[in-house]
Protein backbone atom coordinates (compact mmCIF):
# COMPACT_ATOMS: atom_id res chain seq x y z
CA MET A 1 -42.51 53.72 100.26
CA LYS A 2 -43.36 52.05 96.84
CA ARG A 3 -43.84 55.41 95.27
CA LEU A 4 -40.32 56.71 96.39
CA ILE A 5 -38.88 53.47 94.92
CA MET A 6 -40.60 53.99 91.49
CA THR A 7 -39.52 57.54 91.42
CA VAL A 8 -35.90 56.45 92.14
CA MET A 9 -36.18 53.84 89.48
CA VAL A 10 -37.54 56.49 86.92
CA LEU A 11 -34.76 58.89 87.69
CA PHE A 12 -32.19 56.16 87.46
CA THR A 13 -33.66 55.29 84.00
CA LEU A 14 -33.58 58.72 82.80
CA ALA A 15 -30.15 59.37 84.01
CA THR A 16 -29.10 55.99 82.18
CA LEU A 17 -30.88 57.00 78.78
CA THR A 18 -29.26 60.57 79.00
CA THR A 19 -25.69 59.02 79.65
CA ALA A 20 -26.24 56.69 76.70
CA SER A 21 -27.41 59.30 74.61
CA ALA A 22 -24.44 61.50 75.31
CA ALA A 23 -22.02 58.44 74.79
CA VAL A 24 -23.58 57.80 71.11
CA LYS A 25 -23.32 61.59 70.26
CA GLU A 26 -19.69 61.66 71.59
CA GLY A 27 -17.71 63.43 68.69
CA TRP A 28 -20.60 64.47 66.78
CA PRO A 29 -20.39 67.95 65.58
CA GLU A 30 -22.55 70.69 66.81
CA THR A 31 -23.83 71.55 63.25
CA LEU A 32 -23.74 69.23 60.24
CA THR A 33 -23.02 71.13 56.95
CA TYR A 34 -25.11 69.42 54.25
CA GLY A 35 -23.62 70.18 50.97
CA VAL A 36 -25.57 69.83 47.66
CA ILE A 37 -24.75 70.12 44.12
CA PRO A 38 -26.36 72.95 42.31
CA VAL A 39 -28.78 71.02 39.97
CA ALA A 40 -31.22 74.16 40.31
CA SER A 41 -30.76 77.74 41.72
CA SER A 42 -30.11 78.18 45.15
CA ARG A 43 -33.48 79.26 46.10
CA ASN A 44 -35.12 76.30 44.57
CA MET A 45 -32.94 73.96 46.16
CA SER A 46 -33.46 75.16 49.46
CA ASP A 47 -37.02 74.83 48.96
CA SER A 48 -36.88 71.33 47.65
CA PHE A 49 -34.46 70.21 50.37
CA GLY A 50 -36.20 72.12 53.29
CA GLY A 51 -38.29 69.31 54.55
CA LEU A 52 -35.57 67.10 54.60
CA VAL A 53 -33.33 69.20 56.50
CA GLN A 54 -35.83 69.70 59.16
CA HIS A 55 -36.33 65.89 59.32
CA LEU A 56 -32.53 65.43 59.75
CA GLU A 57 -32.43 68.02 62.54
CA LYS A 58 -35.39 66.32 64.38
CA GLU A 59 -33.99 62.84 64.13
CA LEU A 60 -30.28 63.50 64.70
CA GLY A 61 -30.80 66.28 67.51
CA ILE A 62 -28.22 68.86 65.86
CA LYS A 63 -28.51 71.67 63.63
CA VAL A 64 -28.10 70.73 60.00
CA LYS A 65 -26.95 73.53 57.54
CA LEU A 66 -27.82 73.34 53.87
CA GLN A 67 -25.21 74.88 51.53
CA VAL A 68 -25.87 74.82 48.00
CA ALA A 69 -22.48 74.89 46.05
CA GLY A 70 -21.51 77.33 43.27
CA ASP A 71 -20.55 74.01 41.02
CA TYR A 72 -20.13 70.32 41.59
CA ALA A 73 -16.45 70.57 42.36
CA GLY A 74 -17.35 73.02 45.09
CA VAL A 75 -19.07 70.29 47.00
CA ILE A 76 -16.03 67.73 46.44
CA THR A 77 -13.52 70.17 47.40
CA GLY A 78 -15.49 71.46 50.65
CA MET A 79 -15.85 67.65 51.84
CA GLN A 80 -12.12 67.18 51.05
CA HIS A 81 -11.11 69.93 53.33
CA GLY A 82 -13.49 69.23 56.03
CA HIS A 83 -15.81 72.07 55.37
CA ILE A 84 -18.94 69.67 54.26
CA ASP A 85 -19.89 66.56 56.34
CA LEU A 86 -22.56 65.33 54.21
CA ALA A 87 -23.46 65.87 50.78
CA TYR A 88 -26.01 65.37 47.86
CA LEU A 89 -23.97 64.24 45.01
CA GLY A 90 -24.46 62.83 41.45
CA PRO A 91 -23.08 59.34 40.61
CA LYS A 92 -19.93 60.78 38.96
CA SER A 93 -19.45 63.40 41.35
CA TYR A 94 -19.73 60.91 43.98
CA CYS A 95 -17.01 58.89 42.60
CA GLU A 96 -14.76 61.60 42.31
CA ALA A 97 -15.50 62.76 46.21
CA ALA A 98 -15.02 59.00 47.11
CA ILE A 99 -11.26 59.39 45.90
CA ARG A 100 -10.64 62.78 46.73
CA ALA A 101 -12.63 63.27 50.17
CA GLY A 102 -13.21 60.05 51.30
CA ALA A 103 -16.79 60.22 50.70
CA GLU A 104 -19.04 57.23 51.80
CA ALA A 105 -22.46 56.62 50.34
CA LEU A 106 -25.00 56.22 52.79
CA VAL A 107 -28.25 56.15 51.02
CA VAL A 108 -29.74 56.41 47.38
CA GLU A 109 -32.42 58.15 45.91
CA VAL A 110 -35.26 55.86 44.86
CA GLY A 111 -37.30 57.58 41.87
CA GLN A 112 -41.17 57.65 41.97
CA SER A 113 -41.30 54.30 40.01
CA GLY A 114 -39.66 52.46 42.97
CA VAL A 115 -36.12 52.12 41.10
CA ALA A 116 -32.98 53.53 42.42
CA GLY A 117 -32.03 55.22 39.49
CA TYR A 118 -32.84 58.00 36.70
CA HIS A 119 -32.43 58.58 32.83
CA GLY A 120 -30.41 60.95 30.94
CA TYR A 121 -32.30 63.18 28.22
CA ILE A 122 -31.30 65.08 25.45
CA ILE A 123 -34.08 68.02 25.16
CA THR A 124 -34.92 70.59 22.26
CA LYS A 125 -37.33 73.37 22.22
CA ALA A 126 -40.85 72.45 21.10
CA GLY A 127 -41.71 73.85 17.74
CA SER A 128 -38.09 74.72 16.91
CA GLY A 129 -37.90 71.90 14.24
CA LEU A 130 -35.06 70.18 15.96
CA ASN A 131 -36.24 66.73 16.44
CA SER A 132 -33.16 64.75 16.10
CA LEU A 133 -29.30 64.79 16.74
CA ASP A 134 -29.00 65.25 12.88
CA ASP A 135 -30.96 68.64 13.29
CA LEU A 136 -28.88 69.62 16.10
CA LYS A 137 -25.56 69.64 13.93
CA GLY A 138 -24.12 73.21 13.80
CA LYS A 139 -26.17 74.32 16.45
CA LYS A 140 -25.61 75.63 20.14
CA TRP A 141 -25.31 72.81 22.58
CA ALA A 142 -25.36 72.81 26.53
CA PHE A 143 -23.95 70.36 28.88
CA THR A 144 -24.49 70.84 32.35
CA ASP A 145 -21.46 70.60 34.58
CA PRO A 146 -17.86 68.97 34.10
CA HIS A 147 -18.75 66.27 37.11
CA SER A 148 -22.39 65.82 36.03
CA THR A 149 -23.31 62.32 35.25
CA SER A 150 -26.29 62.71 33.24
CA GLY A 151 -25.44 66.48 31.98
CA THR A 152 -21.93 65.57 30.87
CA LEU A 153 -20.48 62.21 31.24
CA VAL A 154 -23.48 59.81 29.88
CA PRO A 155 -24.07 61.95 26.83
CA THR A 156 -20.36 62.34 26.18
CA VAL A 157 -19.75 58.57 25.89
CA TYR A 158 -23.10 58.20 24.03
CA PHE A 159 -21.86 60.69 21.37
CA ASN A 160 -18.42 58.94 21.03
CA ASN A 161 -20.39 55.58 20.52
CA ILE A 162 -22.10 57.10 17.41
CA ASN A 163 -19.06 58.98 16.22
CA ILE A 164 -19.97 62.54 17.25
CA SER A 165 -17.26 64.91 18.57
CA PRO A 166 -19.40 67.56 20.41
CA GLU A 167 -16.55 70.45 19.82
CA LYS A 168 -16.66 69.63 15.97
CA TYR A 169 -20.47 68.63 15.47
CA PHE A 170 -21.98 71.60 17.27
CA GLY A 171 -21.61 75.10 16.48
CA LYS A 172 -20.89 76.04 20.09
CA VAL A 173 -20.64 74.17 23.13
CA ILE A 174 -21.10 75.68 26.61
CA TYR A 175 -21.56 74.45 30.12
CA SER A 176 -24.62 75.82 31.86
CA GLY A 177 -23.68 74.82 35.51
CA SER A 178 -26.89 73.41 36.26
CA HIS A 179 -29.47 71.13 35.00
CA GLU A 180 -32.34 74.02 35.85
CA ALA A 181 -30.33 76.54 33.75
CA SER A 182 -29.82 74.10 30.72
CA ILE A 183 -33.44 73.24 30.62
CA LEU A 184 -34.50 76.87 30.92
CA SER A 185 -31.94 77.93 28.39
CA VAL A 186 -33.49 75.57 25.89
CA LYS A 187 -37.00 76.93 26.68
CA ALA A 188 -35.85 80.50 26.17
CA GLY A 189 -33.85 79.65 22.96
CA LYS A 190 -30.57 80.48 24.35
CA VAL A 191 -29.36 77.15 23.39
CA ASP A 192 -30.47 74.73 20.82
CA GLY A 193 -29.92 71.45 22.62
CA ALA A 194 -28.90 70.48 26.03
CA SER A 195 -28.33 67.15 28.13
CA THR A 196 -30.31 66.75 31.44
CA ASN A 197 -32.15 63.94 33.15
CA ASP A 198 -35.88 62.82 33.95
CA LEU A 199 -35.56 63.56 37.65
CA ASP A 200 -34.41 67.11 37.41
CA PHE A 201 -36.57 67.57 34.41
CA ASP A 202 -39.62 66.47 36.41
CA ARG A 203 -38.69 68.63 39.70
CA GLY A 204 -39.51 72.02 37.44
CA LEU A 205 -42.77 70.68 35.99
CA GLY A 206 -45.66 72.99 36.52
CA THR A 207 -43.47 75.72 37.99
CA HIS A 208 -40.74 76.70 35.63
CA TRP A 209 -41.73 74.71 32.56
CA ASN A 210 -44.18 72.08 31.10
CA LYS A 211 -43.42 69.15 28.98
CA ASP A 212 -44.81 70.26 26.16
CA ASP A 213 -42.43 73.15 25.90
CA PHE A 214 -39.67 70.53 24.84
CA ASN A 215 -38.90 67.91 22.51
CA ILE A 216 -37.25 64.70 24.36
CA ILE A 217 -35.08 63.29 21.51
CA TRP A 218 -33.06 60.82 23.51
CA THR A 219 -33.44 59.05 26.56
CA SER A 220 -30.47 56.99 28.09
CA ASP A 221 -30.39 53.58 29.89
CA LEU A 222 -30.99 53.50 33.62
CA ILE A 223 -28.28 55.69 35.55
CA PRO A 224 -27.61 54.67 39.15
CA GLY A 225 -29.42 56.67 41.75
CA SER A 226 -27.79 59.90 43.31
CA PRO A 227 -26.39 58.97 46.62
CA MET A 228 -26.24 61.03 49.96
CA ALA A 229 -22.46 60.76 51.12
CA ALA A 230 -20.72 61.51 54.21
CA ARG A 231 -16.97 61.99 54.98
CA ALA A 232 -15.61 58.66 56.05
CA ASP A 233 -14.09 60.15 59.00
CA LEU A 234 -17.15 61.07 60.91
CA PRO A 235 -18.12 58.97 63.76
CA ALA A 236 -19.54 55.42 63.06
CA SER A 237 -22.52 56.47 65.27
CA LEU A 238 -23.34 59.68 63.23
CA LYS A 239 -22.92 58.01 59.94
CA GLN A 240 -25.47 55.18 60.95
CA ALA A 241 -27.92 57.76 62.32
CA ILE A 242 -27.88 59.90 59.32
CA GLN A 243 -28.53 56.78 56.98
CA GLU A 244 -31.40 55.82 59.28
CA ALA A 245 -32.86 59.31 59.38
CA PHE A 246 -32.87 59.49 55.47
CA ILE A 247 -34.56 56.22 55.16
CA SER A 248 -37.02 57.16 57.69
CA TYR A 249 -38.30 60.28 55.71
CA GLN A 250 -41.70 59.79 54.61
CA ASP A 251 -43.16 63.23 54.30
CA LYS A 252 -45.42 63.22 51.16
CA ASP A 253 -44.97 66.93 50.32
CA GLY A 254 -41.17 66.71 51.01
CA LEU A 255 -40.79 63.69 48.72
CA GLU A 256 -43.20 65.26 45.99
CA LYS A 257 -40.85 68.30 45.76
CA LEU A 258 -37.73 66.04 45.52
CA LYS A 259 -39.56 63.90 42.97
CA ILE A 260 -38.53 60.83 44.57
CA SER A 261 -40.37 58.09 46.69
CA GLY A 262 -37.79 57.77 49.52
CA PHE A 263 -34.26 56.53 50.24
CA GLN A 264 -32.55 53.07 50.68
CA LYS A 265 -29.22 51.89 51.84
CA ALA A 266 -26.49 52.61 49.51
CA ASP A 267 -24.03 49.95 48.01
CA ASP A 268 -20.65 51.59 46.64
CA LYS A 269 -20.53 48.82 44.07
CA LEU A 270 -23.76 50.45 42.49
CA TYR A 271 -21.24 52.95 40.97
CA ASP A 272 -18.77 50.65 39.41
CA GLY A 273 -20.41 51.34 36.21
CA ILE A 274 -19.91 54.90 36.23
CA ARG A 275 -16.38 54.25 37.16
CA GLU A 276 -16.06 52.54 33.89
CA LEU A 277 -17.43 55.29 31.99
CA ILE A 278 -15.24 57.89 33.75
CA ALA A 279 -12.44 55.50 32.64
CA LEU A 280 -13.61 55.41 29.12
CA LYS A 281 -14.05 59.20 28.87
CA LYS A 282 -10.46 59.59 30.29
CA ALA A 283 -9.14 57.28 27.48
CA LEU A 284 -11.30 59.02 24.84
CA LYS A 285 -9.66 62.44 25.88
CA GLU A 286 -6.25 61.03 25.90
CA ARG A 287 -6.72 59.50 22.61
CA VAL A 288 -7.93 62.73 21.06
CA ALA A 289 -4.98 64.77 22.58
CA ASN A 290 -2.42 62.31 21.10
CA LYS A 291 -3.78 62.57 17.53
């Protein structure tokens, strides 16, 4: 009799848990589309984020599809039209996505130093004799993407502060499309100087380039870490589960590939300084256009 009662209690508990689980997942999509900005090639992005995607699938209990966009705007537009549910964005592209797509920052990357941020770099090729911005005058320059924080926004504001107009100062200005492309272009001598950041620079160390391949001629102040953001219209239970899944990610190999120590809860106010830089850059552009 006791065994029968215990069996009934176990079955009742399992049924309750199943019902509760179903209730929590009500409104969740069968597949979560995870869009990432193309800081590197699609192949390298898939390798770097592969372990994290598997972890998310395990923790959430639903399929997570990684989608590497062709450019930063592709992630923002995809989220705006409901084709992307979750996104890895840079600080500037997050601010844009928050306006256009209702993006909501859930977590932020924490660097290997333990700080939720990274630094912009200006690099040249080692042995090129280009050891300062003065040396780059009249040379070929590469920004990353118009929506990139360290690849375009931060260096553009810095240039303005030291009275440099990139289009007039450099012999030619291009947009490479990704941090990896910028770094490899400098290494190959296709461009003379480029803006990137320490995080994406470190991600390619030992595989695509070595530190002594380059001169790092400028380092920016700390930039807020890149967020993982979800569409605001996703179920609250799903957004909370995603946030918890990121924070619980502790796989050493996976984190090493991403060159971070983990994730922490994000605060939208962390990006107010970036919004100020965006406004400043816009004002500078309008000022030049009205001259």
